[in-house]
Protein backbone atom coordinates (compact mmCIF):
# COMPACT_ATOMS: atom_id res chain seq x y z
CA UNK A 1 0.00 0.00 0.00
CA UNK A 2 1.43 3.36 -1.05
CA UNK A 3 1.00 6.82 0.46
CA UNK A 4 -1.74 7.61 -2.07
CA UNK A 5 -3.76 4.58 -0.96
CA UNK A 6 -3.26 5.39 2.70
CA UNK A 7 -4.35 9.01 2.26
CA UNK A 8 -7.35 7.99 0.14
CA UNK A 9 -8.41 5.48 2.76
CA UNK A 10 -8.21 8.16 5.46
CA UNK A 11 -9.96 10.63 3.12
CA UNK A 12 -7.07 13.08 3.31
CA UNK A 13 -6.88 13.41 -0.50
CA UNK A 14 -9.45 14.46 -3.01
CA UNK A 15 -9.69 12.29 -6.08
CA UNK A 16 -8.10 15.05 -8.13
CA UNK A 17 -5.16 15.35 -5.73
CA UNK A 18 -4.73 11.57 -5.80
CA UNK A 19 -4.60 11.56 -9.62
CA UNK A 20 -1.99 14.34 -9.53
CA UNK A 21 0.07 12.44 -6.97
CA UNK A 22 -0.20 9.24 -8.97
CA UNK A 23 1.01 11.06 -12.05
CA UNK A 24 4.06 12.26 -10.10
CA UNK A 25 4.78 8.83 -8.58
CA UNK A 26 3.93 6.78 -11.66
CA UNK A 27 7.54 5.81 -12.48
CA UNK A 28 8.33 4.70 -8.94
CA UNK A 29 5.35 2.33 -8.56
CA UNK A 30 4.88 -1.14 -9.96
CA UNK A 31 2.58 -1.27 -12.96
CA UNK A 32 0.13 -3.58 -11.18
CA UNK A 33 -0.19 -1.18 -8.25
CA UNK A 34 -0.76 1.78 -10.58
CA UNK A 35 -3.65 -0.18 -12.10
CA UNK A 36 -5.04 -0.85 -8.61
CA UNK A 37 -4.85 2.83 -7.65
CA UNK A 38 -6.51 3.90 -10.91
CA UNK A 39 -9.28 1.38 -10.27
CA UNK A 40 -9.81 2.77 -6.77
CA UNK A 41 -9.95 6.31 -8.13
CA UNK A 42 -12.43 5.45 -10.87
CA UNK A 43 -14.62 3.58 -8.37
CA UNK A 44 -14.53 6.67 -6.18
CA UNK A 45 -15.44 8.90 -9.11
CA UNK A 46 -18.24 6.59 -10.17
CA UNK A 47 -19.71 6.54 -6.67
CA UNK A 48 -19.73 10.37 -6.59
CA UNK A 49 -20.90 11.05 -10.15
CA UNK A 50 -24.26 12.43 -9.09
CA UNK A 51 -22.97 14.35 -6.08
CA UNK A 52 -22.81 18.13 -6.22
CA UNK A 53 -19.45 18.39 -4.45
CA UNK A 54 -16.08 19.90 -5.31
CA UNK A 55 -15.07 16.83 -7.34
CA UNK A 56 -17.94 17.07 -9.78
CA UNK A 57 -15.81 18.89 -12.38
CA UNK A 58 -12.89 16.46 -12.03
CA UNK A 59 -13.84 14.60 -15.21
CA UNK A 60 -12.71 17.66 -17.20
CA UNK A 61 -9.18 17.43 -15.82
CA UNK A 62 -8.66 13.72 -16.34
CA UNK A 63 -7.51 14.27 -19.90
CA UNK A 64 -4.26 15.64 -18.49
CA UNK A 65 -3.41 12.41 -16.68
CA UNK A 66 -0.56 10.48 -18.34
CA UNK A 67 -0.57 6.67 -18.10
PDB file of N, CA and C in Angstrom:
ATOM      1  N   UNK A   1       0.853  -1.176   0.000  1.00  0.00           N
ATOM      2  CA  UNK A   1       0.000   0.000   0.000  1.00  0.00           C
ATOM      3  C   UNK A   1       0.895   1.234   0.000  1.00  0.00           C
ATOM      4  N   UNK A   2       0.615   2.153  -0.918  1.00  0.00           N
ATOM      5  CA  UNK A   2       1.428   3.363  -1.046  1.00  0.00           C
ATOM      6  C   UNK A   2       0.786   4.528  -0.291  1.00  0.00           C
ATOM      7  N   UNK A   3       1.483   5.633  -0.255  1.00  0.00           N
ATOM      8  CA  UNK A   3       0.999   6.816   0.458  1.00  0.00           C
ATOM      9  C   UNK A   3      -0.310   7.331  -0.131  1.00  0.00           C
ATOM     10  N   UNK A   4      -0.485   7.179  -1.436  1.00  0.00           N
ATOM     11  CA  UNK A   4      -1.735   7.605  -2.070  1.00  0.00           C
ATOM     12  C   UNK A   4      -2.892   6.778  -1.519  1.00  0.00           C
ATOM     13  N   UNK A   5      -2.716   5.477  -1.476  1.00  0.00           N
ATOM     14  CA  UNK A   5      -3.762   4.585  -0.961  1.00  0.00           C
ATOM     15  C   UNK A   5      -4.094   4.890   0.493  1.00  0.00           C
ATOM     16  N   UNK A   6      -3.066   5.104   1.277  1.00  0.00           N
ATOM     17  CA  UNK A   6      -3.261   5.392   2.701  1.00  0.00           C
ATOM     18  C   UNK A   6      -4.055   6.684   2.871  1.00  0.00           C
ATOM     19  N   UNK A   7      -3.659   7.731   2.141  1.00  0.00           N
ATOM     20  CA  UNK A   7      -4.354   9.010   2.263  1.00  0.00           C
ATOM     21  C   UNK A   7      -5.768   8.954   1.701  1.00  0.00           C
ATOM     22  N   UNK A   8      -5.988   8.163   0.660  1.00  0.00           N
ATOM     23  CA  UNK A   8      -7.349   7.990   0.142  1.00  0.00           C
ATOM     24  C   UNK A   8      -8.224   7.271   1.166  1.00  0.00           C
ATOM     25  N   UNK A   9      -7.669   6.240   1.767  1.00  0.00           N
ATOM     26  CA  UNK A   9      -8.413   5.476   2.764  1.00  0.00           C
ATOM     27  C   UNK A   9      -8.818   6.358   3.946  1.00  0.00           C
ATOM     28  N   UNK A  10      -7.935   7.254   4.335  1.00  0.00           N
ATOM     29  CA  UNK A  10      -8.213   8.158   5.458  1.00  0.00           C
ATOM     30  C   UNK A  10      -8.940   9.422   5.016  1.00  0.00           C
ATOM     31  N   UNK A  11      -9.270   9.491   3.718  1.00  0.00           N
ATOM     32  CA  UNK A  11      -9.962  10.629   3.117  1.00  0.00           C
ATOM     33  C   UNK A  11      -9.226  11.947   3.334  1.00  0.00           C
ATOM     34  N   UNK A  12      -7.913  11.885   3.216  1.00  0.00           N
ATOM     35  CA  UNK A  12      -7.070  13.078   3.307  1.00  0.00           C
ATOM     36  C   UNK A  12      -6.807  13.687   1.937  1.00  0.00           C
ATOM     37  N   UNK A  13      -7.110  12.935   0.864  1.00  0.00           N
ATOM     38  CA  UNK A  13      -6.879  13.408  -0.498  1.00  0.00           C
ATOM     39  C   UNK A  13      -8.183  13.451  -1.265  1.00  0.00           C
ATOM     40  N   UNK A  14      -8.339  14.478  -2.063  1.00  0.00           N
ATOM     41  CA  UNK A  14      -9.453  14.458  -3.008  1.00  0.00           C
ATOM     42  C   UNK A  14      -9.050  13.525  -4.142  1.00  0.00           C
ATOM     43  N   UNK A  15      -9.995  13.153  -4.948  1.00  0.00           N
ATOM     44  CA  UNK A  15      -9.693  12.289  -6.076  1.00  0.00           C
ATOM     45  C   UNK A  15      -8.744  12.997  -7.035  1.00  0.00           C
ATOM     46  N   UNK A  16      -8.962  14.280  -7.237  1.00  0.00           N
ATOM     47  CA  UNK A  16      -8.104  15.047  -8.129  1.00  0.00           C
ATOM     48  C   UNK A  16      -6.669  15.101  -7.604  1.00  0.00           C
ATOM     49  N   UNK A  17      -6.496  15.328  -6.323  1.00  0.00           N
ATOM     50  CA  UNK A  17      -5.156  15.346  -5.728  1.00  0.00           C
ATOM     51  C   UNK A  17      -4.492  13.977  -5.867  1.00  0.00           C
ATOM     52  N   UNK A  18      -5.270  12.928  -5.685  1.00  0.00           N
ATOM     53  CA  UNK A  18      -4.729  11.573  -5.802  1.00  0.00           C
ATOM     54  C   UNK A  18      -4.263  11.297  -7.229  1.00  0.00           C
ATOM     55  N   UNK A  19      -5.039  11.729  -8.231  1.00  0.00           N
ATOM     56  CA  UNK A  19      -4.605  11.564  -9.617  1.00  0.00           C
ATOM     57  C   UNK A  19      -3.316  12.336  -9.882  1.00  0.00           C
ATOM     58  N   UNK A  20      -3.217  13.547  -9.363  1.00  0.00           N
ATOM     59  CA  UNK A  20      -1.991  14.340  -9.533  1.00  0.00           C
ATOM     60  C   UNK A  20      -0.798  13.628  -8.889  1.00  0.00           C
ATOM     61  N   UNK A  21      -1.002  13.143  -7.672  1.00  0.00           N
ATOM     62  CA  UNK A  21       0.070  12.441  -6.970  1.00  0.00           C
ATOM     63  C   UNK A  21       0.482  11.170  -7.707  1.00  0.00           C
ATOM     64  N   UNK A  22      -0.506  10.452  -8.223  1.00  0.00           N
ATOM     65  CA  UNK A  22      -0.200   9.237  -8.969  1.00  0.00           C
ATOM     66  C   UNK A  22       0.602   9.567 -10.223  1.00  0.00           C
ATOM     67  N   UNK A  23       0.264  10.645 -10.867  1.00  0.00           N
ATOM     68  CA  UNK A  23       1.007  11.063 -12.052  1.00  0.00           C
ATOM     69  C   UNK A  23       2.470  11.359 -11.700  1.00  0.00           C
ATOM     70  N   UNK A  24       2.695  11.956 -10.542  1.00  0.00           N
ATOM     71  CA  UNK A  24       4.060  12.261 -10.099  1.00  0.00           C
ATOM     72  C   UNK A  24       4.822  11.012  -9.681  1.00  0.00           C
ATOM     73  N   UNK A  25       4.131  10.033  -9.108  1.00  0.00           N
ATOM     74  CA  UNK A  25       4.778   8.835  -8.576  1.00  0.00           C
ATOM     75  C   UNK A  25       4.751   7.654  -9.544  1.00  0.00           C
ATOM     76  N   UNK A  26       4.161   7.852 -10.697  1.00  0.00           N
ATOM     77  CA  UNK A  26       3.931   6.779 -11.661  1.00  0.00           C
ATOM     78  C   UNK A  26       5.177   5.919 -11.917  1.00  0.00           C
ATOM     79  N   UNK A  27       6.308   6.541 -12.142  1.00  0.00           N
ATOM     80  CA  UNK A  27       7.538   5.808 -12.481  1.00  0.00           C
ATOM     81  C   UNK A  27       8.118   5.018 -11.316  1.00  0.00           C
ATOM     82  N   UNK A  28       7.761   5.378 -10.097  1.00  0.00           N
ATOM     83  CA  UNK A  28       8.332   4.698  -8.938  1.00  0.00           C
ATOM     84  C   UNK A  28       7.444   3.569  -8.411  1.00  0.00           C
ATOM     85  N   UNK A  29       6.268   3.385  -9.005  1.00  0.00           N
ATOM     86  CA  UNK A  29       5.349   2.332  -8.562  1.00  0.00           C
ATOM     87  C   UNK A  29       5.326   1.191  -9.564  1.00  0.00           C
ATOM     88  N   UNK A  30       5.029   0.006  -9.070  1.00  0.00           N
ATOM     89  CA  UNK A  30       4.884  -1.137  -9.961  1.00  0.00           C
ATOM     90  C   UNK A  30       3.624  -0.965 -10.804  1.00  0.00           C
ATOM     91  N   UNK A  31       3.690  -1.433 -12.025  1.00  0.00           N
ATOM     92  CA  UNK A  31       2.577  -1.265 -12.958  1.00  0.00           C
ATOM     93  C   UNK A  31       1.272  -1.824 -12.398  1.00  0.00           C
ATOM     94  N   UNK A  32       1.338  -2.962 -11.742  1.00  0.00           N
ATOM     95  CA  UNK A  32       0.129  -3.578 -11.182  1.00  0.00           C
ATOM     96  C   UNK A  32      -0.494  -2.689 -10.106  1.00  0.00           C
ATOM     97  N   UNK A  33       0.351  -2.052  -9.298  1.00  0.00           N
ATOM     98  CA  UNK A  33      -0.192  -1.184  -8.252  1.00  0.00           C
ATOM     99  C   UNK A  33      -0.795   0.092  -8.855  1.00  0.00           C
ATOM    100  N   UNK A  34      -0.186   0.608  -9.902  1.00  0.00           N
ATOM    101  CA  UNK A  34      -0.759   1.775 -10.582  1.00  0.00           C
ATOM    102  C   UNK A  34      -2.165   1.440 -11.061  1.00  0.00           C
ATOM    103  N   UNK A  35      -2.332   0.256 -11.639  1.00  0.00           N
ATOM    104  CA  UNK A  35      -3.654  -0.180 -12.097  1.00  0.00           C
ATOM    105  C   UNK A  35      -4.639  -0.264 -10.934  1.00  0.00           C
ATOM    106  N   UNK A  36      -4.180  -0.763  -9.792  1.00  0.00           N
ATOM    107  CA  UNK A  36      -5.043  -0.853  -8.606  1.00  0.00           C
ATOM    108  C   UNK A  36      -5.474   0.543  -8.134  1.00  0.00           C
ATOM    109  N   UNK A  37      -4.535   1.475  -8.100  1.00  0.00           N
ATOM    110  CA  UNK A  37      -4.845   2.835  -7.654  1.00  0.00           C
ATOM    111  C   UNK A  37      -5.830   3.491  -8.620  1.00  0.00           C
ATOM    112  N   UNK A  38      -5.599   3.333  -9.912  1.00  0.00           N
ATOM    113  CA  UNK A  38      -6.513   3.902 -10.910  1.00  0.00           C
ATOM    114  C   UNK A  38      -7.906   3.309 -10.740  1.00  0.00           C
ATOM    115  N   UNK A  39      -7.976   2.017 -10.494  1.00  0.00           N
ATOM    116  CA  UNK A  39      -9.276   1.376 -10.274  1.00  0.00           C
ATOM    117  C   UNK A  39      -9.982   1.959  -9.055  1.00  0.00           C
ATOM    118  N   UNK A  40      -9.248   2.165  -7.981  1.00  0.00           N
ATOM    119  CA  UNK A  40      -9.811   2.768  -6.766  1.00  0.00           C
ATOM    120  C   UNK A  40     -10.335   4.171  -7.072  1.00  0.00           C
ATOM    121  N   UNK A  41      -9.552   4.937  -7.816  1.00  0.00           N
ATOM    122  CA  UNK A  41      -9.949   6.308  -8.130  1.00  0.00           C
ATOM    123  C   UNK A  41     -11.187   6.351  -9.017  1.00  0.00           C
ATOM    124  N   UNK A  42     -11.250   5.466 -10.007  1.00  0.00           N
ATOM    125  CA  UNK A  42     -12.430   5.448 -10.867  1.00  0.00           C
ATOM    126  C   UNK A  42     -13.669   4.952 -10.128  1.00  0.00           C
ATOM    127  N   UNK A  43     -13.491   4.013  -9.206  1.00  0.00           N
ATOM    128  CA  UNK A  43     -14.617   3.579  -8.366  1.00  0.00           C
ATOM    129  C   UNK A  43     -15.110   4.744  -7.522  1.00  0.00           C
ATOM    130  N   UNK A  44     -14.173   5.513  -6.989  1.00  0.00           N
ATOM    131  CA  UNK A  44     -14.534   6.672  -6.176  1.00  0.00           C
ATOM    132  C   UNK A  44     -15.272   7.716  -7.012  1.00  0.00           C
ATOM    133  N   UNK A  45     -14.779   7.959  -8.215  1.00  0.00           N
ATOM    134  CA  UNK A  45     -15.444   8.899  -9.113  1.00  0.00           C
ATOM    135  C   UNK A  45     -16.850   8.424  -9.460  1.00  0.00           C
ATOM    136  N   UNK A  46     -16.949   7.150  -9.784  1.00  0.00           N
ATOM    137  CA  UNK A  46     -18.242   6.592 -10.166  1.00  0.00           C
ATOM    138  C   UNK A  46     -19.252   6.719  -9.025  1.00  0.00           C
ATOM    139  N   UNK A  47     -18.803   6.475  -7.813  1.00  0.00           N
ATOM    140  CA  UNK A  47     -19.713   6.541  -6.668  1.00  0.00           C
ATOM    141  C   UNK A  47     -20.169   7.971  -6.378  1.00  0.00           C
ATOM    142  N   UNK A  48     -19.404   8.958  -6.860  1.00  0.00           N
ATOM    143  CA  UNK A  48     -19.729  10.367  -6.589  1.00  0.00           C
ATOM    144  C   UNK A  48     -20.226  11.112  -7.823  1.00  0.00           C
ATOM    145  N   UNK A  49     -20.511  10.402  -8.894  1.00  0.00           N
ATOM    146  CA  UNK A  49     -20.896  11.050 -10.148  1.00  0.00           C
ATOM    147  C   UNK A  49     -22.085  11.985 -10.002  1.00  0.00           C
ATOM    148  N   UNK A  50     -23.052  11.632  -9.215  1.00  0.00           N
ATOM    149  CA  UNK A  50     -24.260  12.433  -9.090  1.00  0.00           C
ATOM    150  C   UNK A  50     -24.219  13.414  -7.925  1.00  0.00           C
ATOM    151  N   UNK A  51     -23.106  13.431  -7.196  1.00  0.00           N
ATOM    152  CA  UNK A  51     -22.973  14.354  -6.076  1.00  0.00           C
ATOM    153  C   UNK A  51     -22.643  15.748  -6.583  1.00  0.00           C
ATOM    154  N   UNK A  52     -23.118  16.738  -5.890  1.00  0.00           N
ATOM    155  CA  UNK A  52     -22.808  18.130  -6.219  1.00  0.00           C
ATOM    156  C   UNK A  52     -21.704  18.629  -5.282  1.00  0.00           C
ATOM    157  N   UNK A  53     -20.559  17.972  -5.321  1.00  0.00           N
ATOM    158  CA  UNK A  53     -19.451  18.385  -4.455  1.00  0.00           C
ATOM    159  C   UNK A  53     -18.315  18.970  -5.286  1.00  0.00           C
ATOM    160  N   UNK A  54     -17.193  19.248  -4.641  1.00  0.00           N
ATOM    161  CA  UNK A  54     -16.079  19.900  -5.314  1.00  0.00           C
ATOM    162  C   UNK A  54     -15.412  19.021  -6.356  1.00  0.00           C
ATOM    163  N   UNK A  55     -15.682  17.719  -6.368  1.00  0.00           N
ATOM    164  CA  UNK A  55     -15.066  16.832  -7.339  1.00  0.00           C
ATOM    165  C   UNK A  55     -15.911  16.648  -8.595  1.00  0.00           C
ATOM    166  N   UNK A  56     -17.040  17.300  -8.657  1.00  0.00           N
ATOM    167  CA  UNK A  56     -17.940  17.075  -9.781  1.00  0.00           C
ATOM    168  C   UNK A  56     -17.352  17.505 -11.117  1.00  0.00           C
ATOM    169  N   UNK A  57     -16.410  18.460 -11.117  1.00  0.00           N
ATOM    170  CA  UNK A  57     -15.807  18.890 -12.375  1.00  0.00           C
ATOM    171  C   UNK A  57     -14.477  18.187 -12.645  1.00  0.00           C
ATOM    172  N   UNK A  58     -14.160  17.173 -11.877  1.00  0.00           N
ATOM    173  CA  UNK A  58     -12.895  16.463 -12.033  1.00  0.00           C
ATOM    174  C   UNK A  58     -12.783  15.780 -13.385  1.00  0.00           C
ATOM    175  N   UNK A  59     -13.872  15.310 -13.924  1.00  0.00           N
ATOM    176  CA  UNK A  59     -13.838  14.604 -15.209  1.00  0.00           C
ATOM    177  C   UNK A  59     -13.164  15.460 -16.280  1.00  0.00           C
ATOM    178  N   UNK A  60     -13.328  16.776 -16.209  1.00  0.00           N
ATOM    179  CA  UNK A  60     -12.715  17.657 -17.197  1.00  0.00           C
ATOM    180  C   UNK A  60     -11.188  17.602 -17.144  1.00  0.00           C
ATOM    181  N   UNK A  61     -10.627  17.423 -15.962  1.00  0.00           N
ATOM    182  CA  UNK A  61      -9.180  17.431 -15.817  1.00  0.00           C
ATOM    183  C   UNK A  61      -8.506  16.096 -16.046  1.00  0.00           C
ATOM    184  N   UNK A  62      -9.268  15.031 -16.197  1.00  0.00           N
ATOM    185  CA  UNK A  62      -8.656  13.717 -16.345  1.00  0.00           C
ATOM    186  C   UNK A  62      -7.906  13.545 -17.665  1.00  0.00           C
ATOM    187  N   UNK A  63      -8.219  14.351 -18.634  1.00  0.00           N
ATOM    188  CA  UNK A  63      -7.512  14.269 -19.902  1.00  0.00           C
ATOM    189  C   UNK A  63      -6.039  14.616 -19.771  1.00  0.00           C
ATOM    190  N   UNK A  64      -5.647  15.262 -18.705  1.00  0.00           N
ATOM    191  CA  UNK A  64      -4.255  15.644 -18.488  1.00  0.00           C
ATOM    192  C   UNK A  64      -3.442  14.541 -17.821  1.00  0.00           C
ATOM    193  N   UNK A  65      -4.100  13.479 -17.375  1.00  0.00           N
ATOM    194  CA  UNK A  65      -3.407  12.412 -16.684  1.00  0.00           C
ATOM    195  C   UNK A  65      -2.654  11.545 -17.691  1.00  0.00           C
ATOM    196  N   UNK A  66      -1.400  11.270 -17.441  1.00  0.00           N
ATOM    197  CA  UNK A  66      -0.560  10.480 -18.343  1.00  0.00           C
ATOM    198  C   UNK A  66      -0.381   9.083 -17.767  1.00  0.00           C
ATOM    199  N   UNK A  67      -0.762   8.072 -18.531  1.00  0.00           N
ATOM    200  CA  UNK A  67      -0.568   6.671 -18.103  1.00  0.00           C
ATOM    201  C   UNK A  67       0.724   6.156 -18.681  1.00  0.00           C
TER     202      UNK A  67
END
